[in-house]
Structures are given as C-alpha cells and as structure tokens.
Amino acid sequence: MINFITQYWIEAIFSGLIAILVGALRIMYGKIKRLELVENGMQALLRDRIIQSYNNHMEKGFCPIYALESINYMYNQYHALGGNGTVTKLIEELKRLPVQNKDGEKYDC
C-alpha cells in the first residue's frame, strides 16, 4: 500500500513540476515576443527621427556638428537594432553637408 501511495505522489509531484515549467516557458516566450515588439517600435521611432532630421537639415543646407553627433548616435542605435542600409545613405548625405559655426559662417568638414 505504501508503494502505491508513494508512486502516485511522485507522479503528482513530477506532473506539477512539468506544469510549472511549461507555465514559466509560456511567460518567458510572451516576454521575449513583447521585447521584440518594443525593439521594432524603437527602431521605427529612430528611423523616423533620423529621416526628420535629414529632411530638416537638407532643407536648411547645413548640419551643425552637435546635430550630426546626435544623428550619428541615433543611427548607431538604429543599426544595432537591425536597421537597414537606406538610412545609411541619408547619413552619408548629411555628413557631406557644410557645418555652420556660431557666427553663422558655413564651412565644410
């Protein structure tokens, strides 16, 4: 009789452990999926902001150093999140723009 009870308790304990592990895996999968969505959203926001800056500075005809540094930082994060080469072309064009100093004089980098 004791063997019978022990056998069923062991099966019940292992069943419970498996249920807990499956539940934990489901939670982890949900968090990983959510993290992917957040990364994709951040990438989209960075892309939009880089394109906005590009349009703004191309319209002005110059890109100050501080703006270019900020855009480069955004681009590095965008690229680390898996961004494509389209934005790379925009960054290269921005780097070719002249820079304006405090006096308003334009000069090339």
PDB file of N, CA and C in Angstrom:
ATOM      1  N   MET A   1       0.813  -1.197   0.000  1.00  0.00           N
ATOM      2  CA  MET A   1       0.000   0.000   0.000  1.00  0.00           C
ATOM      3  C   MET A   1       0.856   1.261   0.000  1.00  0.00           C
ATOM      4  N   ILE A   2       1.968   1.235   0.750  1.00  0.00           N
ATOM      5  CA  ILE A   2       2.851   2.408   0.805  1.00  0.00           C
ATOM      6  C   ILE A   2       3.495   2.647  -0.555  1.00  0.00           C
ATOM      7  N   ASN A   3       3.876   1.582  -1.244  1.00  0.00           N
ATOM      8  CA  ASN A   3       4.454   1.733  -2.584  1.00  0.00           C
ATOM      9  C   ASN A   3       3.452   2.375  -3.542  1.00  0.00           C
ATOM     10  N   PHE A   4       2.188   1.982  -3.417  1.00  0.00           N
ATOM     11  CA  PHE A   4       1.140   2.523  -4.264  1.00  0.00           C
ATOM     12  C   PHE A   4       0.991   4.029  -4.041  1.00  0.00           C
ATOM     13  N   ILE A   5       0.945   4.467  -2.781  1.00  0.00           N
ATOM     14  CA  ILE A   5       0.809   5.891  -2.448  1.00  0.00           C
ATOM     15  C   ILE A   5       2.055   6.659  -2.882  1.00  0.00           C
ATOM     16  N   THR A   6       3.230   6.104  -2.605  1.00  0.00           N
ATOM     17  CA  THR A   6       4.483   6.768  -2.975  1.00  0.00           C
ATOM     18  C   THR A   6       4.567   6.952  -4.484  1.00  0.00           C
ATOM     19  N   GLN A   7       4.179   5.924  -5.211  1.00  0.00           N
ATOM     20  CA  GLN A   7       4.247   6.006  -6.670  1.00  0.00           C
ATOM     21  C   GLN A   7       3.350   7.138  -7.187  1.00  0.00           C
ATOM     22  N   TYR A   8       2.162   7.264  -6.674  1.00  0.00           N
ATOM     23  CA  TYR A   8       1.249   8.300  -7.153  1.00  0.00           C
ATOM     24  C   TYR A   8       1.677   9.687  -6.694  1.00  0.00           C
ATOM     25  N   TRP A   9       2.259   9.781  -5.519  1.00  0.00           N
ATOM     26  CA  TRP A   9       2.755  11.087  -5.058  1.00  0.00           C
ATOM     27  C   TRP A   9       3.922  11.551  -5.935  1.00  0.00           C
ATOM     28  N   ILE A  10       4.799  10.647  -6.271  1.00  0.00           N
ATOM     29  CA  ILE A  10       5.928  11.005  -7.134  1.00  0.00           C
ATOM     30  C   ILE A  10       5.413  11.453  -8.501  1.00  0.00           C
ATOM     31  N   GLU A  11       4.435  10.741  -9.052  1.00  0.00           N
ATOM     32  CA  GLU A  11       3.857  11.147 -10.335  1.00  0.00           C
ATOM     33  C   GLU A  11       3.175  12.506 -10.224  1.00  0.00           C
ATOM     34  N   ALA A  12       2.483  12.748  -9.137  1.00  0.00           N
ATOM     35  CA  ALA A  12       1.799  14.028  -8.946  1.00  0.00           C
ATOM     36  C   ALA A  12       2.805  15.172  -8.819  1.00  0.00           C
ATOM     37  N   ILE A  13       3.882  14.930  -8.087  1.00  0.00           N
ATOM     38  CA  ILE A  13       4.910  15.967  -7.922  1.00  0.00           C
ATOM     39  C   ILE A  13       5.570  16.280  -9.263  1.00  0.00           C
ATOM     40  N   PHE A  14       5.935  15.248 -10.029  1.00  0.00           N
ATOM     41  CA  PHE A  14       6.562  15.476 -11.331  1.00  0.00           C
ATOM     42  C   PHE A  14       5.592  16.159 -12.297  1.00  0.00           C
ATOM     43  N   SER A  15       4.338  15.797 -12.252  1.00  0.00           N
ATOM     44  CA  SER A  15       3.334  16.454 -13.096  1.00  0.00           C
ATOM     45  C   SER A  15       3.224  17.929 -12.740  1.00  0.00           C
ATOM     46  N   GLY A  16       3.240  18.214 -11.457  1.00  0.00           N
ATOM     47  CA  GLY A  16       3.188  19.609 -11.009  1.00  0.00           C
ATOM     48  C   GLY A  16       4.406  20.394 -11.452  1.00  0.00           C
ATOM     49  N   LEU A  17       5.584  19.792 -11.339  1.00  0.00           N
ATOM     50  CA  LEU A  17       6.813  20.462 -11.780  1.00  0.00           C
ATOM     51  C   LEU A  17       6.793  20.740 -13.276  1.00  0.00           C
ATOM     52  N   ILE A  18       6.310  19.771 -14.048  1.00  0.00           N
ATOM     53  CA  ILE A  18       6.223  19.972 -15.500  1.00  0.00           C
ATOM     54  C   ILE A  18       5.242  21.094 -15.814  1.00  0.00           C
ATOM     55  N   ALA A  19       4.125  21.143 -15.119  1.00  0.00           N
ATOM     56  CA  ALA A  19       3.144  22.212 -15.335  1.00  0.00           C
ATOM     57  C   ALA A  19       3.744  23.579 -14.999  1.00  0.00           C
ATOM     58  N   ILE A  20       4.515  23.649 -13.938  1.00  0.00           N
ATOM     59  CA  ILE A  20       5.169  24.905 -13.555  1.00  0.00           C
ATOM     60  C   ILE A  20       6.181  25.318 -14.613  1.00  0.00           C
ATOM     61  N   LEU A  21       6.975  24.374 -15.112  1.00  0.00           N
ATOM     62  CA  LEU A  21       7.968  24.674 -16.148  1.00  0.00           C
ATOM     63  C   LEU A  21       7.304  25.147 -17.440  1.00  0.00           C
ATOM     64  N   VAL A  22       6.217  24.487 -17.837  1.00  0.00           N
ATOM     65  CA  VAL A  22       5.500  24.902 -19.048  1.00  0.00           C
ATOM     66  C   VAL A  22       4.938  26.314 -18.858  1.00  0.00           C
ATOM     67  N   GLY A  23       4.391  26.591 -17.719  1.00  0.00           N
ATOM     68  CA  GLY A  23       3.881  27.939 -17.439  1.00  0.00           C
ATOM     69  C   GLY A  23       4.983  28.979 -17.482  1.00  0.00           C
ATOM     70  N   ALA A  24       6.139  28.649 -16.911  1.00  0.00           N
ATOM     71  CA  ALA A  24       7.266  29.581 -16.925  1.00  0.00           C
ATOM     72  C   ALA A  24       7.757  29.814 -18.351  1.00  0.00           C
ATOM     73  N   LEU A  25       7.796  28.755 -19.161  1.00  0.00           N
ATOM     74  CA  LEU A  25       8.208  28.905 -20.554  1.00  0.00           C
ATOM     75  C   LEU A  25       7.234  29.773 -21.336  1.00  0.00           C
ATOM     76  N   ARG A  26       5.955  29.635 -21.085  1.00  0.00           N
ATOM     77  CA  ARG A  26       4.956  30.485 -21.749  1.00  0.00           C
ATOM     78  C   ARG A  26       5.158  31.949 -21.377  1.00  0.00           C
ATOM     79  N   ILE A  27       5.409  32.207 -20.117  1.00  0.00           N
ATOM     80  CA  ILE A  27       5.645  33.582 -19.661  1.00  0.00           C
ATOM     81  C   ILE A  27       6.900  34.147 -20.321  1.00  0.00           C
ATOM     82  N   MET A  28       7.964  33.344 -20.354  1.00  0.00           N
ATOM     83  CA  MET A  28       9.209  33.798 -20.971  1.00  0.00           C
ATOM     84  C   MET A  28       9.014  34.062 -22.454  1.00  0.00           C
ATOM     85  N   TYR A  29       8.296  33.202 -23.159  1.00  0.00           N
ATOM     86  CA  TYR A  29       8.033  33.410 -24.578  1.00  0.00           C
ATOM     87  C   TYR A  29       7.257  34.701 -24.794  1.00  0.00           C
ATOM     88  N   GLY A  30       6.273  34.966 -23.944  1.00  0.00           N
ATOM     89  CA  GLY A  30       5.499  36.205 -24.044  1.00  0.00           C
ATOM     90  C   GLY A  30       6.365  37.431 -23.829  1.00  0.00           C
ATOM     91  N   LYS A  31       7.282  37.365 -22.867  1.00  0.00           N
ATOM     92  CA  LYS A  31       8.172  38.498 -22.611  1.00  0.00           C
ATOM     93  C   LYS A  31       9.152  38.699 -23.763  1.00  0.00           C
ATOM     94  N   ILE A  32       9.651  37.613 -24.341  1.00  0.00           N
ATOM     95  CA  ILE A  32      10.564  37.719 -25.481  1.00  0.00           C
ATOM     96  C   ILE A  32       9.834  38.336 -26.664  1.00  0.00           C
ATOM     97  N   LYS A  33       8.616  37.903 -26.914  1.00  0.00           N
ATOM     98  CA  LYS A  33       7.823  38.457 -28.011  1.00  0.00           C
ATOM     99  C   LYS A  33       7.563  39.940 -27.790  1.00  0.00           C
ATOM    100  N   ARG A  34       7.249  40.310 -26.561  1.00  0.00           N
ATOM    101  CA  ARG A  34       6.993  41.718 -26.236  1.00  0.00           C
ATOM    102  C   ARG A  34       8.265  42.546 -26.410  1.00  0.00           C
ATOM    103  N   LEU A  35       9.402  42.003 -26.013  1.00  0.00           N
ATOM    104  CA  LEU A  35      10.674  42.697 -26.179  1.00  0.00           C
ATOM    105  C   LEU A  35      10.967  42.932 -27.659  1.00  0.00           C
ATOM    106  N   GLU A  36      10.680  41.944 -28.503  1.00  0.00           N
ATOM    107  CA  GLU A  36      10.860  42.114 -29.942  1.00  0.00           C
ATOM    108  C   GLU A  36       9.987  43.244 -30.473  1.00  0.00           C
ATOM    109  N   LEU A  37       8.758  43.324 -29.983  1.00  0.00           N
ATOM    110  CA  LEU A  37       7.856  44.398 -30.410  1.00  0.00           C
ATOM    111  C   LEU A  37       8.374  45.763 -29.981  1.00  0.00           C
ATOM    112  N   VAL A  38       8.891  45.844 -28.765  1.00  0.00           N
ATOM    113  CA  VAL A  38       9.450  47.108 -28.274  1.00  0.00           C
ATOM    114  C   VAL A  38      10.677  47.498 -29.102  1.00  0.00           C
ATOM    115  N   GLU A  39      11.540  46.541 -29.419  1.00  0.00           N
ATOM    116  CA  GLU A  39      12.715  46.818 -30.242  1.00  0.00           C
ATOM    117  C   GLU A  39      12.305  47.316 -31.627  1.00  0.00           C
ATOM    118  N   ASN A  40      11.299  46.678 -32.225  1.00  0.00           N
ATOM    119  CA  ASN A  40      10.823  47.111 -33.541  1.00  0.00           C
ATOM    120  C   ASN A  40      10.225  48.507 -33.477  1.00  0.00           C
ATOM    121  N   GLY A  41       9.503  48.792 -32.414  1.00  0.00           N
ATOM    122  CA  GLY A  41       8.944  50.128 -32.239  1.00  0.00           C
ATOM    123  C   GLY A  41      10.030  51.173 -32.063  1.00  0.00           C
ATOM    124  N   MET A  42      11.044  50.855 -31.285  1.00  0.00           N
ATOM    125  CA  MET A  42      12.157  51.787 -31.083  1.00  0.00           C
ATOM    126  C   MET A  42      12.902  52.019 -32.387  1.00  0.00           C
ATOM    127  N   GLN A  43      13.096  50.963 -33.143  1.00  0.00           N
ATOM    128  CA  GLN A  43      13.766  51.085 -34.436  1.00  0.00           C
ATOM    129  C   GLN A  43      12.959  52.001 -35.358  1.00  0.00           C
ATOM    130  N   ALA A  44      11.635  51.846 -35.376  1.00  0.00           N
ATOM    131  CA  ALA A  44      10.783  52.688 -36.216  1.00  0.00           C
ATOM    132  C   ALA A  44      10.851  54.150 -35.780  1.00  0.00           C
ATOM    133  N   LEU A  45      10.865  54.392 -34.471  1.00  0.00           N
ATOM    134  CA  LEU A  45      10.964  55.765 -33.967  1.00  0.00           C
ATOM    135  C   LEU A  45      12.302  56.397 -34.318  1.00  0.00           C
ATOM    136  N   LEU A  46      13.392  55.642 -34.174  1.00  0.00           N
ATOM    137  CA  LEU A  46      14.714  56.154 -34.534  1.00  0.00           C
ATOM    138  C   LEU A  46      14.786  56.456 -36.026  1.00  0.00           C
ATOM    139  N   ARG A  47      14.250  55.558 -36.831  1.00  0.00           N
ATOM    140  CA  ARG A  47      14.241  55.777 -38.281  1.00  0.00           C
ATOM    141  C   ARG A  47      13.481  57.050 -38.621  1.00  0.00           C
ATOM    142  N   ASP A  48      12.314  57.221 -38.029  1.00  0.00           N
ATOM    143  CA  ASP A  48      11.510  58.413 -38.291  1.00  0.00           C
ATOM    144  C   ASP A  48      12.255  59.685 -37.886  1.00  0.00           C
ATOM    145  N   ARG A  49      12.879  59.641 -36.730  1.00  0.00           N
ATOM    146  CA  ARG A  49      13.607  60.819 -36.233  1.00  0.00           C
ATOM    147  C   ARG A  49      14.809  61.150 -37.104  1.00  0.00           C
ATOM    148  N   ILE A  50      15.518  60.135 -37.593  1.00  0.00           N
ATOM    149  CA  ILE A  50      16.662  60.359 -38.474  1.00  0.00           C
ATOM    150  C   ILE A  50      16.174  60.972 -39.794  1.00  0.00           C
ATOM    151  N   ILE A  51      15.082  60.447 -40.332  1.00  0.00           N
ATOM    152  CA  ILE A  51      14.547  60.977 -41.585  1.00  0.00           C
ATOM    153  C   ILE A  51      14.069  62.413 -41.398  1.00  0.00           C
ATOM    154  N   GLN A  52      13.438  62.710 -40.266  1.00  0.00           N
ATOM    155  CA  GLN A  52      13.020  64.093 -39.959  1.00  0.00           C
ATOM    156  C   GLN A  52      14.226  65.019 -39.932  1.00  0.00           C
ATOM    157  N   SER A  53      15.264  64.600 -39.252  1.00  0.00           N
ATOM    158  CA  SER A  53      16.475  65.419 -39.167  1.00  0.00           C
ATOM    159  C   SER A  53      17.094  65.605 -40.542  1.00  0.00           C
ATOM    160  N   TYR A  54      17.124  64.546 -41.315  1.00  0.00           N
ATOM    161  CA  TYR A  54      17.666  64.613 -42.671  1.00  0.00           C
ATOM    162  C   TYR A  54      16.909  65.663 -43.490  1.00  0.00           C
ATOM    163  N   ASN A  55      15.585  65.545 -43.494  1.00  0.00           N
ATOM    164  CA  ASN A  55      14.768  66.495 -44.267  1.00  0.00           C
ATOM    165  C   ASN A  55      14.985  67.933 -43.797  1.00  0.00           C
ATOM    166  N   ASN A  56      15.053  68.124 -42.496  1.00  0.00           N
ATOM    167  CA  ASN A  56      15.236  69.454 -41.918  1.00  0.00           C
ATOM    168  C   ASN A  56      16.579  70.059 -42.331  1.00  0.00           C
ATOM    169  N   HIS A  57      17.640  69.302 -42.193  1.00  0.00           N
ATOM    170  CA  HIS A  57      18.976  69.832 -42.476  1.00  0.00           C
ATOM    171  C   HIS A  57      19.243  69.949 -43.973  1.00  0.00           C
ATOM    172  N   MET A  58      18.658  69.080 -44.777  1.00  0.00           N
ATOM    173  CA  MET A  58      18.813  69.213 -46.225  1.00  0.00           C
ATOM    174  C   MET A  58      18.094  70.475 -46.711  1.00  0.00           C
ATOM    175  N   GLU A  59      16.973  70.768 -46.095  1.00  0.00           N
ATOM    176  CA  GLU A  59      16.229  71.991 -46.450  1.00  0.00           C
ATOM    177  C   GLU A  59      17.029  73.239 -46.071  1.00  0.00           C
ATOM    178  N   LYS A  60      17.669  73.218 -44.909  1.00  0.00           N
ATOM    179  CA  LYS A  60      18.486  74.347 -44.454  1.00  0.00           C
ATOM    180  C   LYS A  60      19.780  74.472 -45.260  1.00  0.00           C
ATOM    181  N   GLY A  61      20.301  73.337 -45.718  1.00  0.00           N
ATOM    182  CA  GLY A  61      21.527  73.337 -46.485  1.00  0.00           C
ATOM    183  C   GLY A  61      22.787  73.199 -45.655  1.00  0.00           C
ATOM    184  N   PHE A  62      22.648  72.967 -44.365  1.00  0.00           N
ATOM    185  CA  PHE A  62      23.798  72.736 -43.487  1.00  0.00           C
ATOM    186  C   PHE A  62      23.372  71.880 -42.311  1.00  0.00           C
ATOM    187  N   CYS A  63      24.361  71.301 -41.635  1.00  0.00           N
ATOM    188  CA  CYS A  63      24.088  70.444 -40.476  1.00  0.00           C
ATOM    189  C   CYS A  63      25.142  70.731 -39.414  1.00  0.00           C
ATOM    190  N   PRO A  64      24.768  71.401 -38.319  1.00  0.00           N
ATOM    191  CA  PRO A  64      25.731  71.692 -37.255  1.00  0.00           C
ATOM    192  C   PRO A  64      26.332  70.408 -36.671  1.00  0.00           C
ATOM    193  N   ILE A  65      27.528  70.563 -36.123  1.00  0.00           N
ATOM    194  CA  ILE A  65      28.249  69.418 -35.546  1.00  0.00           C
ATOM    195  C   ILE A  65      27.422  68.723 -34.468  1.00  0.00           C
ATOM    196  N   TYR A  66      26.817  69.508 -33.563  1.00  0.00           N
ATOM    197  CA  TYR A  66      26.062  68.898 -32.464  1.00  0.00           C
ATOM    198  C   TYR A  66      24.893  68.079 -33.007  1.00  0.00           C
ATOM    199  N   ALA A  67      24.262  68.541 -34.083  1.00  0.00           N
ATOM    200  CA  ALA A  67      23.145  67.801 -34.672  1.00  0.00           C
ATOM    201  C   ALA A  67      23.664  66.527 -35.339  1.00  0.00           C
ATOM    202  N   LEU A  68      24.782  66.638 -36.018  1.00  0.00           N
ATOM    203  CA  LEU A  68      25.354  65.469 -36.680  1.00  0.00           C
ATOM    204  C   LEU A  68      25.771  64.407 -35.672  1.00  0.00           C
ATOM    205  N   GLU A  69      26.323  64.837 -34.529  1.00  0.00           N
ATOM    206  CA  GLU A  69      26.681  63.883 -33.477  1.00  0.00           C
ATOM    207  C   GLU A  69      25.446  63.172 -32.946  1.00  0.00           C
ATOM    208  N   SER A  70      24.378  63.925 -32.744  1.00  0.00           N
ATOM    209  CA  SER A  70      23.129  63.343 -32.251  1.00  0.00           C
ATOM    210  C   SER A  70      22.551  62.365 -33.267  1.00  0.00           C
ATOM    211  N   ILE A  71      22.584  62.751 -34.530  1.00  0.00           N
ATOM    212  CA  ILE A  71      22.066  61.885 -35.584  1.00  0.00           C
ATOM    213  C   ILE A  71      22.914  60.618 -35.690  1.00  0.00           C
ATOM    214  N   ASN A  72      24.226  60.760 -35.589  1.00  0.00           N
ATOM    215  CA  ASN A  72      25.106  59.585 -35.626  1.00  0.00           C
ATOM    216  C   ASN A  72      24.816  58.640 -34.471  1.00  0.00           C
ATOM    217  N   TYR A  73      24.573  59.194 -33.290  1.00  0.00           N
ATOM    218  CA  TYR A  73      24.257  58.359 -32.126  1.00  0.00           C
ATOM    219  C   TYR A  73      22.943  57.604 -32.372  1.00  0.00           C
ATOM    220  N   MET A  74      21.932  58.313 -32.893  1.00  0.00           N
ATOM    221  CA  MET A  74      20.670  57.647 -33.202  1.00  0.00           C
ATOM    222  C   MET A  74      20.874  56.556 -34.246  1.00  0.00           C
ATOM    223  N   TYR A  75      21.702  56.866 -35.256  1.00  0.00           N
ATOM    224  CA  TYR A  75      21.950  55.880 -36.307  1.00  0.00           C
ATOM    225  C   TYR A  75      22.646  54.629 -35.746  1.00  0.00           C
ATOM    226  N   ASN A  76      23.602  54.816 -34.856  1.00  0.00           N
ATOM    227  CA  ASN A  76      24.293  53.657 -34.257  1.00  0.00           C
ATOM    228  C   ASN A  76      23.318  52.756 -33.515  1.00  0.00           C
ATOM    229  N   GLN A  77      22.384  53.358 -32.781  1.00  0.00           N
ATOM    230  CA  GLN A  77      21.379  52.569 -32.061  1.00  0.00           C
ATOM    231  C   GLN A  77      20.419  51.904 -33.043  1.00  0.00           C
ATOM    232  N   TYR A  78      20.031  52.651 -34.066  1.00  0.00           N
ATOM    233  CA  TYR A  78      19.145  52.115 -35.109  1.00  0.00           C
ATOM    234  C   TYR A  78      19.792  50.911 -35.790  1.00  0.00           C
ATOM    235  N   HIS A  79      21.051  51.050 -36.135  1.00  0.00           N
ATOM    236  CA  HIS A  79      21.773  49.978 -36.806  1.00  0.00           C
ATOM    237  C   HIS A  79      21.935  48.768 -35.877  1.00  0.00           C
ATOM    238  N   ALA A  80      22.189  49.010 -34.590  1.00  0.00           N
ATOM    239  CA  ALA A  80      22.326  47.913 -33.627  1.00  0.00           C
ATOM    240  C   ALA A  80      21.019  47.135 -33.475  1.00  0.00           C
ATOM    241  N   LEU A  81      19.897  47.807 -33.709  1.00  0.00           N
ATOM    242  CA  LEU A  81      18.594  47.136 -33.631  1.00  0.00           C
ATOM    243  C   LEU A  81      18.231  46.436 -34.937  1.00  0.00           C
ATOM    244  N   GLY A  82      19.156  46.467 -35.905  1.00  0.00           N
ATOM    245  CA  GLY A  82      18.922  45.748 -37.155  1.00  0.00           C
ATOM    246  C   GLY A  82      18.458  46.631 -38.285  1.00  0.00           C
ATOM    247  N   GLY A  83      18.680  47.942 -38.195  1.00  0.00           N
ATOM    248  CA  GLY A  83      18.276  48.869 -39.246  1.00  0.00           C
ATOM    249  C   GLY A  83      18.963  48.563 -40.562  1.00  0.00           C
ATOM    250  N   ASN A  84      18.299  48.946 -41.649  1.00  0.00           N
ATOM    251  CA  ASN A  84      18.820  48.618 -42.977  1.00  0.00           C
ATOM    252  C   ASN A  84      19.714  49.721 -43.542  1.00  0.00           C
ATOM    253  N   GLY A  85      20.124  49.561 -44.782  1.00  0.00           N
ATOM    254  CA  GLY A  85      21.083  50.466 -45.401  1.00  0.00           C
ATOM    255  C   GLY A  85      20.484  51.732 -45.982  1.00  0.00           C
ATOM    256  N   THR A  86      19.164  51.824 -46.066  1.00  0.00           N
ATOM    257  CA  THR A  86      18.544  53.025 -46.629  1.00  0.00           C
ATOM    258  C   THR A  86      18.895  54.251 -45.798  1.00  0.00           C
ATOM    259  N   VAL A  87      18.809  54.142 -44.512  1.00  0.00           N
ATOM    260  CA  VAL A  87      19.125  55.259 -43.626  1.00  0.00           C
ATOM    261  C   VAL A  87      20.622  55.562 -43.690  1.00  0.00           C
ATOM    262  N   THR A  88      21.445  54.568 -43.956  1.00  0.00           N
ATOM    263  CA  THR A  88      22.895  54.773 -44.078  1.00  0.00           C
ATOM    264  C   THR A  88      23.182  55.776 -45.190  1.00  0.00           C
ATOM    265  N   LYS A  89      22.459  55.686 -46.290  1.00  0.00           N
ATOM    266  CA  LYS A  89      22.644  56.627 -47.399  1.00  0.00           C
ATOM    267  C   LYS A  89      22.279  58.048 -46.970  1.00  0.00           C
ATOM    268  N   LEU A  90      21.237  58.180 -46.184  1.00  0.00           N
ATOM    269  CA  LEU A  90      20.843  59.505 -45.699  1.00  0.00           C
ATOM    270  C   LEU A  90      21.921  60.093 -44.795  1.00  0.00           C
ATOM    271  N   ILE A  91      22.485  59.262 -43.928  1.00  0.00           N
ATOM    272  CA  ILE A  91      23.546  59.712 -43.020  1.00  0.00           C
ATOM    273  C   ILE A  91      24.761  60.171 -43.817  1.00  0.00           C
ATOM    274  N   GLU A  92      25.116  59.424 -44.839  1.00  0.00           N
ATOM    275  CA  GLU A  92      26.262  59.801 -45.668  1.00  0.00           C
ATOM    276  C   GLU A  92      26.038  61.144 -46.348  1.00  0.00           C
ATOM    277  N   GLU A  93      24.811  61.389 -46.801  1.00  0.00           N
ATOM    278  CA  GLU A  93      24.493  62.680 -47.414  1.00  0.00           C
ATOM    279  C   GLU A  93      24.580  63.804 -46.381  1.00  0.00           C
ATOM    280  N   LEU A  94      24.102  63.553 -45.184  1.00  0.00           N
ATOM    281  CA  LEU A  94      24.177  64.573 -44.129  1.00  0.00           C
ATOM    282  C   LEU A  94      25.621  64.919 -43.795  1.00  0.00           C
ATOM    283  N   LYS A  95      26.489  63.927 -43.807  1.00  0.00           N
ATOM    284  CA  LYS A  95      27.900  64.160 -43.481  1.00  0.00           C
ATOM    285  C   LYS A  95      28.574  65.038 -44.531  1.00  0.00           C
ATOM    286  N   ARG A  96      28.030  65.062 -45.743  1.00  0.00           N
ATOM    287  CA  ARG A  96      28.611  65.885 -46.797  1.00  0.00           C
ATOM    288  C   ARG A  96      28.133  67.337 -46.747  1.00  0.00           C
ATOM    289  N   LEU A  97      27.114  67.612 -45.935  1.00  0.00           N
ATOM    290  CA  LEU A  97      26.613  68.986 -45.827  1.00  0.00           C
ATOM    291  C   LEU A  97      27.623  69.865 -45.095  1.00  0.00           C
ATOM    292  N   PRO A  98      27.643  71.149 -45.438  1.00  0.00           N
ATOM    293  CA  PRO A  98      28.514  72.056 -44.683  1.00  0.00           C
ATOM    294  C   PRO A  98      27.995  72.230 -43.253  1.00  0.00           C
ATOM    295  N   VAL A  99      28.905  72.666 -42.368  1.00  0.00           N
ATOM    296  CA  VAL A  99      28.572  72.889 -40.963  1.00  0.00           C
ATOM    297  C   VAL A  99      28.558  74.400 -40.721  1.00  0.00           C
ATOM    298  N   GLN A 100      27.632  74.850 -39.921  1.00  0.00           N
ATOM    299  CA  GLN A 100      27.556  76.280 -39.625  1.00  0.00           C
ATOM    300  C   GLN A 100      28.091  76.524 -38.222  1.00  0.00           C
ATOM    301  N   ASN A 101      29.004  77.497 -38.091  1.00  0.00           N
ATOM    302  CA  ASN A 101      29.535  77.794 -36.762  1.00  0.00           C
ATOM    303  C   ASN A 101      28.650  78.815 -36.044  1.00  0.00           C
ATOM    304  N   LYS A 102      29.046  79.282 -34.868  1.00  0.00           N
ATOM    305  CA  LYS A 102      28.241  80.200 -34.060  1.00  0.00           C
ATOM    306  C   LYS A 102      27.997  81.530 -34.744  1.00  0.00           C
ATOM    307  N   ASP A 103      28.960  81.993 -35.559  1.00  0.00           N
ATOM    308  CA  ASP A 103      28.833  83.278 -36.246  1.00  0.00           C
ATOM    309  C   ASP A 103      27.947  83.196 -37.477  1.00  0.00           C
ATOM    310  N   GLY A 104      27.495  82.032 -37.821  1.00  0.00           N
ATOM    311  CA  GLY A 104      26.641  81.882 -38.984  1.00  0.00           C
ATOM    312  C   GLY A 104      27.403  81.618 -40.255  1.00  0.00           C
ATOM    313  N   GLU A 105      28.741  81.511 -40.176  1.00  0.00           N
ATOM    314  CA  GLU A 105      29.531  81.223 -41.347  1.00  0.00           C
ATOM    315  C   GLU A 105      29.478  79.724 -41.628  1.00  0.00           C
ATOM    316  N   LYS A 106      29.330  79.391 -42.902  1.00  0.00           N
ATOM    317  CA  LYS A 106      29.281  77.997 -43.277  1.00  0.00           C
ATOM    318  C   LYS A 106      30.659  77.551 -43.715  1.00  0.00           C
ATOM    319  N   TYR A 107      31.035  76.328 -43.358  1.00  0.00           N
ATOM    320  CA  TYR A 107      32.292  75.756 -43.817  1.00  0.00           C
ATOM    321  C   TYR A 107      32.145  74.245 -43.905  1.00  0.00           C
ATOM    322  N   ASP A 108      32.936  73.657 -44.752  1.00  0.00           N
ATOM    323  CA  ASP A 108      32.883  72.206 -44.943  1.00  0.00           C
ATOM    324  C   ASP A 108      33.731  71.494 -43.928  1.00  0.00           C
ATOM    325  N   CYS A 109      33.317  70.299 -43.531  1.00  0.00           N
ATOM    326  CA  CYS A 109      34.105  69.471 -42.611  1.00  0.00           C
ATOM    327  C   CYS A 109      35.224  68.801 -43.342  1.00  0.00           C
TER     328      CYS A 109
END
